[in-house]
Amino acid sequence: MYIPRLKRIYNNKIINLLKKKFKYKNNMQVPKLIKIVINIGAGRAVNNKNLINVYLNDLLLITGQKPIIRLSKKDIAGFKLRKGVAIGCMVTLRDNIMYEFLDRLITIALPRSKDFKGIKENGFDGYGNYNLGIKEHIIFPEIPFDKVTVIHGLNISIVTNTNKDIISKFLLLYLGLPFKINNIYGKRIN
């Protein structure tokens, strides 16, 4: 059976590192990734109905999984929005597909960003989950650059089973997420 590279690293090394760091008694106490949710807000698609298909296709190419369309829940006159109109799309990745996507994000996509110096450490929500915004979807190698009609951003939410940000930060650091800080306790070193 195929096991993704990042999942093997987690099972063989990261579990032991986290057990030692936080003095866990067994492997079931060690925090782990639950899911990754990728979301594209398609506000521009309200006026141009063809854009939602572009977003769906891009998200399908990036994740390898069919996205679902998110519809507006109520009318908002100020935004010329009607109830039931497509305003976004999302994908939830779990298990092997999640680890494959995270590996590609860390090793290929993020370093291709313009002037990349690391991701901000303030994306934690207080419950052990991390949110990352990407301004240009073309950093993913699956997107054919010559066929891009519109450049858009996407939001990536990494959900863990811990409720403490510091534990989650160590998990993501050990997985290889390139944070900007030099000191994982939140103090910058100059």
Protein backbone atom coordinates (compact mmCIF):
# COMPACT_ATOMS: atom_id res chain seq x y z
CA MET A 1 0.00 0.00 0.00
CA TYR A 2 1.25 3.48 -0.92
CA ILE A 3 2.06 5.83 1.97
CA PRO A 4 2.87 9.48 1.15
CA ARG A 5 6.34 10.74 2.02
CA LEU A 6 5.14 13.29 4.58
CA LYS A 7 2.93 10.72 6.31
CA ARG A 8 5.90 8.34 6.62
CA ILE A 9 7.97 11.15 8.14
CA TYR A 10 5.16 11.88 10.59
CA ASN A 11 4.81 8.21 11.60
CA ASN A 12 8.55 7.49 11.85
CA LYS A 13 10.01 10.72 13.26
CA ILE A 14 7.53 13.43 14.21
CA ILE A 15 5.49 11.28 16.61
CA ASN A 16 8.64 10.53 18.61
CA LEU A 17 9.76 14.18 18.56
CA LEU A 18 6.38 15.38 19.85
CA LYS A 19 6.23 12.64 22.50
CA LYS A 20 9.62 13.71 23.78
CA LYS A 21 8.90 17.45 23.57
CA PHE A 22 5.51 17.41 25.34
CA LYS A 23 6.08 14.27 27.45
CA TYR A 24 3.19 12.26 26.02
CA LYS A 25 2.85 8.71 27.37
CA ASN A 26 1.57 7.04 24.18
CA ASN A 27 1.13 7.68 20.46
CA MET A 28 -2.61 8.35 20.75
CA GLN A 29 -1.95 11.58 22.70
CA VAL A 30 0.27 13.01 19.96
CA PRO A 31 -1.48 15.68 17.84
CA LYS A 32 -2.13 14.94 14.19
CA LEU A 33 -3.64 16.48 11.11
CA ILE A 34 -7.37 15.87 10.68
CA LYS A 35 -8.11 17.61 7.38
CA ILE A 36 -7.14 20.44 5.05
CA VAL A 37 -9.90 22.65 3.65
CA ILE A 38 -9.15 24.71 0.54
CA ASN A 39 -11.59 27.51 -0.24
CA ILE A 40 -11.93 29.99 -3.10
CA GLY A 41 -14.20 32.96 -2.56
CA ALA A 42 -15.76 33.79 -5.92
CA GLY A 43 -17.23 37.22 -5.31
CA ARG A 44 -16.41 38.24 -8.88
CA ALA A 45 -18.47 35.30 -10.14
CA VAL A 46 -21.71 37.05 -9.12
CA ASN A 47 -21.44 39.29 -12.18
CA ASN A 48 -19.68 36.79 -14.45
CA LYS A 49 -21.21 33.30 -14.25
CA ASN A 50 -18.37 31.66 -16.23
CA LEU A 51 -15.81 32.49 -13.54
CA ILE A 52 -17.18 29.88 -11.15
CA ASN A 53 -16.32 27.18 -13.71
CA VAL A 54 -12.77 28.56 -13.95
CA TYR A 55 -12.44 28.42 -10.16
CA LEU A 56 -13.85 24.88 -10.03
CA ASN A 57 -11.44 23.68 -12.71
CA ASP A 58 -8.43 25.32 -11.02
CA LEU A 59 -9.30 23.81 -7.65
CA LEU A 60 -9.77 20.40 -9.28
CA LEU A 61 -6.32 20.63 -10.90
CA ILE A 62 -4.63 21.75 -7.66
CA THR A 63 -6.18 19.16 -5.35
CA GLY A 64 -7.11 16.25 -7.61
CA GLN A 65 -10.52 16.11 -5.96
CA LYS A 66 -13.83 17.49 -7.20
CA PRO A 67 -14.77 20.74 -5.41
CA ILE A 68 -18.26 21.63 -4.24
CA ILE A 69 -19.97 24.92 -5.02
CA ARG A 70 -20.96 27.14 -2.10
CA LEU A 71 -24.18 29.12 -2.55
CA SER A 72 -25.26 32.37 -0.89
CA LYS A 73 -27.71 31.87 1.95
CA LYS A 74 -29.57 35.18 1.71
CA ASP A 75 -30.12 38.26 -0.43
CA ILE A 76 -27.76 41.20 0.08
CA ALA A 77 -28.82 44.22 -1.94
CA GLY A 78 -25.60 46.19 -1.35
CA PHE A 79 -23.58 43.50 -3.12
CA LYS A 80 -26.27 42.78 -5.75
CA LEU A 81 -26.38 39.24 -4.40
CA ARG A 82 -29.37 36.94 -4.57
CA LYS A 83 -30.04 33.86 -2.47
CA GLY A 84 -28.79 30.65 -4.10
CA VAL A 85 -26.11 32.26 -6.29
CA ALA A 86 -22.69 30.55 -6.46
CA ILE A 87 -20.20 32.61 -4.43
CA GLY A 88 -17.37 30.14 -3.87
CA CYS A 89 -16.07 26.61 -4.01
CA MET A 90 -14.24 24.38 -1.56
CA VAL A 91 -12.54 21.02 -1.15
CA THR A 92 -11.90 19.01 2.01
CA LEU A 93 -8.82 16.76 1.86
CA ARG A 94 -8.23 13.91 4.28
CA ASP A 95 -5.68 11.13 4.87
CA ASN A 96 -3.28 10.36 1.98
CA ILE A 97 -4.55 13.09 -0.36
CA MET A 98 -4.13 15.61 2.47
CA TYR A 99 -0.51 14.62 3.08
CA GLU A 100 0.27 14.68 -0.66
CA PHE A 101 -1.20 18.17 -1.00
CA LEU A 102 0.66 19.47 2.08
CA ASP A 103 3.93 18.02 0.77
CA ARG A 104 3.46 19.75 -2.61
CA LEU A 105 2.49 22.99 -0.86
CA ILE A 106 5.60 23.00 1.35
CA THR A 107 8.22 21.75 -1.12
CA ILE A 108 7.03 23.15 -4.46
CA ALA A 109 4.26 25.76 -4.31
CA LEU A 110 5.29 28.08 -1.45
CA PRO A 111 8.90 28.49 -2.61
CA ARG A 112 7.54 29.54 -6.04
CA SER A 113 5.78 32.53 -4.48
CA LYS A 114 7.11 35.98 -5.34
CA ASP A 115 9.66 37.19 -2.76
CA PHE A 116 8.92 34.25 -0.45
CA LYS A 117 10.50 34.58 2.99
CA GLY A 118 8.24 32.24 4.95
CA ILE A 119 4.63 32.19 6.12
CA LYS A 120 3.29 34.27 8.99
CA GLU A 121 2.95 32.58 12.36
CA ASN A 122 -0.15 34.57 13.32
CA GLY A 123 -2.55 32.42 11.28
CA PHE A 124 -3.52 30.27 14.28
CA ASP A 125 -7.12 30.59 15.44
CA GLY A 126 -6.70 29.82 19.15
CA TYR A 127 -7.97 26.26 18.74
CA GLY A 128 -4.89 24.67 17.17
CA ASN A 129 -5.88 25.23 13.54
CA TYR A 130 -3.83 27.22 11.03
CA ASN A 131 -5.17 29.40 8.19
CA LEU A 132 -3.03 30.43 5.26
CA GLY A 133 -4.00 32.78 2.47
CA ILE A 134 -2.40 32.53 -0.96
CA LYS A 135 -2.73 35.53 -3.28
CA GLU A 136 -1.95 33.81 -6.58
CA HIS A 137 -3.05 30.29 -7.41
CA ILE A 138 -0.47 30.05 -10.19
CA ILE A 139 2.24 29.04 -7.70
CA PHE A 140 0.95 25.47 -8.00
CA PRO A 141 2.71 23.60 -10.83
CA GLU A 142 -0.52 21.85 -11.85
CA ILE A 143 -1.90 25.11 -13.24
CA PRO A 144 -0.81 25.63 -16.87
CA PHE A 145 0.44 29.21 -16.80
CA ASP A 146 -0.22 29.88 -20.50
CA LYS A 147 -3.92 28.97 -20.16
CA VAL A 148 -4.70 31.11 -17.09
CA THR A 149 -7.49 33.60 -17.77
CA VAL A 150 -7.83 35.09 -14.28
CA ILE A 151 -5.48 35.02 -11.29
CA HIS A 152 -7.20 34.50 -7.95
CA GLY A 153 -6.32 33.64 -4.38
CA LEU A 154 -7.33 30.81 -2.12
CA ASN A 155 -7.53 30.06 1.57
CA ILE A 156 -6.02 26.93 3.11
CA SER A 157 -7.16 25.80 6.57
CA ILE A 158 -5.09 23.11 8.27
CA VAL A 159 -7.15 21.43 11.00
CA THR A 160 -5.45 19.50 13.83
CA ASN A 161 -6.87 17.50 16.72
CA THR A 162 -5.22 19.66 19.38
CA ASN A 163 -6.71 22.80 20.86
CA LYS A 164 -3.43 24.54 21.74
CA ASP A 165 -1.70 26.75 19.19
CA ILE A 166 1.83 26.13 20.47
CA ILE A 167 1.47 22.35 20.12
CA SER A 168 -0.03 22.78 16.67
CA LYS A 169 2.82 25.12 15.72
CA PHE A 170 5.39 22.49 16.68
CA LEU A 171 3.51 19.87 14.66
CA LEU A 172 3.49 22.10 11.58
CA LEU A 173 7.14 23.08 12.08
CA TYR A 174 8.16 19.44 12.26
CA LEU A 175 6.10 18.73 9.12
CA GLY A 176 8.13 21.41 7.37
CA LEU A 177 5.93 24.51 7.17
CA PRO A 178 8.36 27.42 6.67
CA PHE A 179 7.38 30.01 9.29
CA LYS A 180 9.01 33.47 9.19
CA ILE A 181 10.10 33.50 12.82
CA ASN A 182 13.40 32.16 14.09
CA ASN A 183 12.11 31.49 17.58
CA ILE A 184 9.01 29.30 17.82
CA TYR A 185 7.95 30.93 21.08
CA GLY A 186 6.85 34.02 19.17
CA LYS A 187 9.77 36.37 19.84
CA ARG A 188 11.66 37.62 16.84
CA ILE A 189 15.42 37.31 16.82
CA ASN A 190 17.20 40.23 15.11
